[in-house]
Amino acid sequence: MNHGYETSLVKRVVNELVASIVSGEYQDNVLPPQVILSKKHGVSRTIMREALSVLISRRMLDVRPKTGTRIKPAREWLIMDPEVAEWRLRALPDQDCIARLLEFRVLVDPPAAALAATRANRHQRIAINAAFQRLVHASPSEALQSTAEEALQAAIVDASGDELLRQMGSVVRVGIRTMKSTMRAQPQAMPRASNAEIGDYGRVVRAIETADGDGARAAMTQLLTRSQSIWMEEAI
């Protein structure tokens, strides 16, 4: 069988298994035997084993003798994987999960802004300014504003030059995007960037422009404090 085709099959089965896990399809959080899963998903047992191995490596499944394949609590899933972060938030779209994600963001964005102020090259500074201008002039519609804000966040983290912060930032952005998608069924609950938050972003961008690391960190911290308050009020 073609290797690329096998990979595509495994990915398809992984996505189907995740959808079933997130929807709570499996009773007592126990998966059926592999032979049953293989028939259900229309693939060979080899493909099914590979798909299950993917979820095991991401700490979503636990295989033990006599007890079979069990689904681990979502809080134990490998959150540093952006895909798993999205799956976890789909499984646990509650206020506590939102709070943890926002706390995680505090570990990423302020130090990233401080590093961007001292490390960003000319092209990265231009990209940050361009992203900020898109946010300022974005339509007040949630989708366009969210896209502009996410692009600005990504530009700042990228300019930090820190690979770990880049990976963590990717998880944060996926998480925020997923939270917003789960809240779209209740438009009145969708938080949008306020004028005050956009002003905070402006202070972050100006501090980066002037190579003021401490100022960039302080401005980003102020932004996140304000944003966290808005998110938690809307989530109640």
Protein backbone atom coordinates (compact mmCIF):
# COMPACT_ATOMS: atom_id res chain seq x y z
CA MET A 1 0.00 0.00 0.00
CA ASN A 2 1.21 3.51 -0.82
CA HIS A 3 2.81 5.17 2.23
CA GLY A 4 1.07 8.48 1.58
CA TYR A 5 -2.28 6.71 1.32
CA GLU A 6 -1.61 4.88 4.61
CA THR A 7 -0.78 8.16 6.32
CA SER A 8 -4.00 9.70 5.00
CA LEU A 9 -6.01 6.73 6.28
CA VAL A 10 -4.42 6.95 9.72
CA LYS A 11 -5.14 10.68 9.92
CA ARG A 12 -8.75 10.11 8.87
CA VAL A 13 -9.25 7.41 11.51
CA VAL A 14 -7.58 9.55 14.19
CA ASN A 15 -9.99 12.41 13.45
CA GLU A 16 -12.97 10.05 13.53
CA LEU A 17 -11.86 8.53 16.83
CA VAL A 18 -11.33 11.97 18.35
CA ALA A 19 -14.80 13.07 17.23
CA SER A 20 -16.29 10.02 18.94
CA ILE A 21 -14.25 10.59 22.10
CA VAL A 22 -15.17 14.27 22.35
CA SER A 23 -18.86 13.53 21.79
CA GLY A 24 -18.83 10.97 24.62
CA GLU A 25 -19.84 8.10 22.35
CA TYR A 26 -17.97 5.36 24.25
CA GLN A 27 -19.64 4.05 27.39
CA ASP A 28 -17.53 4.04 30.56
CA ASN A 29 -14.73 5.68 28.51
CA VAL A 30 -13.67 2.29 27.14
CA LEU A 31 -13.00 1.74 23.44
CA PRO A 32 -14.26 -1.44 21.72
CA PRO A 33 -11.68 -4.09 20.70
CA GLN A 34 -9.50 -3.19 17.71
CA VAL A 35 -11.22 -5.71 15.44
CA ILE A 36 -14.57 -3.97 16.03
CA LEU A 37 -13.08 -0.51 15.56
CA SER A 38 -11.39 -1.64 12.33
CA LYS A 39 -14.69 -2.82 10.89
CA LYS A 40 -16.52 0.30 12.04
CA HIS A 41 -14.00 2.63 10.36
CA GLY A 42 -13.44 0.42 7.33
CA VAL A 43 -9.69 0.00 7.72
CA SER A 44 -7.23 -2.79 8.42
CA ARG A 45 -6.16 -3.64 11.96
CA THR A 46 -2.69 -2.32 11.08
CA ILE A 47 -4.11 1.13 10.26
CA MET A 48 -6.24 1.04 13.40
CA ARG A 49 -3.21 0.17 15.56
CA GLU A 50 -1.32 3.14 14.10
CA ALA A 51 -4.25 5.48 14.72
CA LEU A 52 -4.57 4.31 18.32
CA SER A 53 -0.81 4.69 18.77
CA VAL A 54 -1.13 8.35 17.75
CA LEU A 55 -3.72 8.95 20.47
CA ILE A 56 -1.69 6.98 23.01
CA SER A 57 1.37 9.13 22.27
CA ARG A 58 -0.74 12.21 22.90
CA ARG A 59 -1.81 10.84 26.29
CA MET A 60 -5.43 10.49 25.29
CA LEU A 61 -5.63 6.72 25.65
CA ASP A 62 -4.35 4.24 28.19
CA VAL A 63 -3.87 0.55 27.29
CA ARG A 64 -3.64 -2.00 30.07
CA PRO A 65 -3.91 -5.80 30.19
CA LYS A 66 -7.45 -7.08 30.86
CA THR A 67 -8.95 -3.58 31.05
CA GLY A 68 -8.64 -2.76 27.35
CA THR A 69 -8.16 0.68 25.85
CA ARG A 70 -9.48 3.42 28.11
CA ILE A 71 -9.96 7.12 27.40
CA LYS A 72 -7.94 9.23 29.81
CA PRO A 73 -9.48 12.34 31.41
CA ALA A 74 -9.18 15.31 29.07
CA ARG A 75 -7.16 17.22 31.67
CA GLU A 76 -4.34 14.67 31.17
CA TRP A 77 -4.12 15.02 27.39
CA LEU A 78 -0.89 16.41 25.91
CA ILE A 79 -1.86 20.07 25.85
CA MET A 80 1.40 21.21 24.18
CA ASP A 81 0.25 19.61 20.93
CA PRO A 82 -1.90 22.22 19.11
CA GLU A 83 -4.28 19.57 17.75
CA VAL A 84 -4.73 18.04 21.18
CA ALA A 85 -5.27 21.49 22.66
CA GLU A 86 -8.16 21.97 20.25
CA TRP A 87 -9.60 18.52 21.01
CA ARG A 88 -9.29 19.08 24.74
CA LEU A 89 -11.09 22.40 24.59
CA ARG A 90 -13.85 20.82 22.51
CA ALA A 91 -14.18 18.17 25.22
CA LEU A 92 -13.99 20.60 28.13
CA PRO A 93 -15.39 23.98 27.00
CA ASP A 94 -16.03 25.08 30.57
CA GLN A 95 -15.13 28.15 32.61
CA ASP A 96 -12.28 26.37 34.39
CA CYS A 97 -10.71 25.37 31.08
CA ILE A 98 -10.98 28.95 29.80
CA ALA A 99 -9.30 30.22 32.97
CA ARG A 100 -6.41 27.77 32.58
CA LEU A 101 -5.88 28.76 28.96
CA LEU A 102 -5.81 32.46 29.84
CA GLU A 103 -3.33 31.76 32.64
CA PHE A 104 -1.19 29.84 30.16
CA ARG A 105 -1.25 32.83 27.82
CA VAL A 106 0.28 34.96 30.58
CA LEU A 107 3.32 32.68 30.43
CA VAL A 108 3.71 33.30 26.70
CA ASP A 109 2.76 36.77 25.51
CA PRO A 110 4.47 39.14 28.01
CA PRO A 111 7.93 37.49 27.73
CA ALA A 112 7.45 37.19 23.96
CA ALA A 113 6.68 40.92 23.71
CA ALA A 114 9.75 41.77 25.81
CA LEU A 115 12.00 39.63 23.62
CA ALA A 116 10.45 40.99 20.42
CA ALA A 117 11.34 44.51 21.56
CA THR A 118 15.03 43.63 21.74
CA ARG A 119 15.33 40.94 19.06
CA ALA A 120 12.93 41.80 16.24
CA ASN A 121 14.55 42.60 12.92
CA ARG A 122 13.31 45.26 10.51
CA HIS A 123 10.99 42.92 8.61
CA GLN A 124 9.46 41.56 11.81
CA ARG A 125 8.81 45.06 13.15
CA ILE A 126 7.11 45.97 9.87
CA ALA A 127 4.99 42.80 10.12
CA ILE A 128 3.96 43.67 13.68
CA ASN A 129 2.97 47.20 12.70
CA ALA A 130 1.05 45.97 9.67
CA ALA A 131 -0.82 43.43 11.80
CA PHE A 132 -1.69 46.11 14.34
CA GLN A 133 -3.03 48.41 11.63
CA ARG A 134 -5.22 45.58 10.33
CA LEU A 135 -6.61 45.15 13.85
CA VAL A 136 -7.26 48.88 14.23
CA HIS A 137 -9.12 49.05 10.92
CA ALA A 138 -10.80 45.64 11.10
CA SER A 139 -14.54 45.41 10.73
CA PRO A 140 -16.25 45.06 14.13
CA SER A 141 -17.50 41.65 13.03
CA GLU A 142 -16.14 38.95 15.34
CA ALA A 143 -14.54 36.81 12.63
CA LEU A 144 -12.53 39.58 10.95
CA GLN A 145 -11.44 41.14 14.23
CA SER A 146 -10.41 37.79 15.66
CA THR A 147 -8.33 37.02 12.57
CA ALA A 148 -6.56 40.37 12.80
CA GLU A 149 -5.90 39.97 16.53
CA GLU A 150 -4.56 36.44 16.09
CA ALA A 151 -2.22 37.63 13.31
CA LEU A 152 -0.83 40.34 15.59
CA GLN A 153 -0.30 37.87 18.44
CA ALA A 154 1.51 35.50 16.06
CA ALA A 155 3.71 38.28 14.67
CA ILE A 156 4.82 39.33 18.16
CA VAL A 157 5.58 35.79 19.32
CA ASP A 158 7.43 35.03 16.08
CA ALA A 159 9.59 38.14 16.55
CA SER A 160 10.67 36.89 19.99
CA GLY A 161 12.99 34.43 18.30
CA ASP A 162 12.24 31.88 21.03
CA GLU A 163 11.18 28.50 19.62
CA LEU A 164 9.54 27.32 22.85
CA LEU A 165 7.45 30.50 23.07
CA ARG A 166 6.50 30.06 19.42
CA GLN A 167 5.22 26.54 20.08
CA MET A 168 3.41 27.60 23.24
CA GLY A 169 1.95 30.58 21.40
CA SER A 170 0.58 28.25 18.74
CA VAL A 171 -1.24 26.27 21.44
CA VAL A 172 -2.66 29.48 22.93
CA ARG A 173 -3.97 30.73 19.58
CA VAL A 174 -5.54 27.36 18.75
CA GLY A 175 -7.17 27.34 22.18
CA ILE A 176 -8.61 30.83 21.86
CA ARG A 177 -9.86 30.07 18.35
CA THR A 178 -11.55 26.90 19.60
CA MET A 179 -13.15 28.67 22.57
CA LYS A 180 -14.60 31.29 20.25
CA SER A 181 -15.94 28.63 17.90
CA THR A 182 -17.73 26.88 20.79
CA MET A 183 -19.28 30.19 21.83
CA ARG A 184 -20.56 31.18 18.37
CA ALA A 185 -23.84 29.42 19.08
CA GLN A 186 -24.38 32.18 21.65
CA PRO A 187 -23.37 35.39 19.81
CA GLN A 188 -24.16 37.55 22.81
CA ALA A 189 -21.39 35.70 24.70
CA MET A 190 -18.70 36.39 22.12
CA PRO A 191 -16.05 38.74 23.54
CA ARG A 192 -14.62 41.21 21.05
CA ALA A 193 -11.52 43.34 21.35
CA SER A 194 -12.58 46.56 23.07
CA ASN A 195 -11.17 49.99 22.29
CA ALA A 196 -9.22 49.76 25.55
CA GLU A 197 -7.67 46.44 24.51
CA ILE A 198 -6.74 47.82 21.09
CA GLY A 199 -5.14 50.76 22.92
CA ASP A 200 -3.17 48.26 25.02
CA TYR A 201 -1.99 46.55 21.83
CA GLY A 202 -0.90 49.95 20.56
CA ARG A 203 1.28 50.44 23.65
CA VAL A 204 2.80 47.01 23.13
CA VAL A 205 3.60 47.81 19.50
CA ARG A 206 5.11 51.20 20.34
CA ALA A 207 7.30 49.63 23.03
CA ILE A 208 8.53 47.05 20.52
CA GLU A 209 9.24 49.82 18.00
CA THR A 210 11.41 51.65 20.54
CA ALA A 211 13.16 48.47 21.78
CA ASP A 212 11.63 48.95 25.25
CA GLY A 213 11.51 45.38 26.56
CA ASP A 214 10.21 46.25 30.01
CA GLY A 215 7.56 48.53 28.53
CA ALA A 216 6.42 45.85 26.08
CA ARG A 217 6.12 43.28 28.86
CA ALA A 218 4.17 45.69 31.10
CA ALA A 219 1.82 46.73 28.31
CA MET A 220 1.14 43.13 27.31
CA THR A 221 0.51 42.20 30.94
CA GLN A 222 -2.00 45.06 31.22
CA LEU A 223 -3.68 43.88 28.03
CA LEU A 224 -4.01 40.30 29.30
CA THR A 225 -5.35 41.45 32.68
CA ARG A 226 -8.07 43.41 30.90
CA SER A 227 -8.76 40.61 28.41
CA GLN A 228 -8.91 37.98 31.14
CA SER A 229 -11.52 40.00 33.02
CA ILE A 230 -13.67 40.35 29.89
CA TRP A 231 -13.42 36.64 28.99
CA MET A 232 -14.35 35.45 32.45
CA GLU A 233 -17.29 37.85 32.72
CA GLU A 234 -18.64 36.61 29.37
CA ALA A 235 -18.10 32.96 30.34
CA ILE A 236 -20.21 33.18 33.49
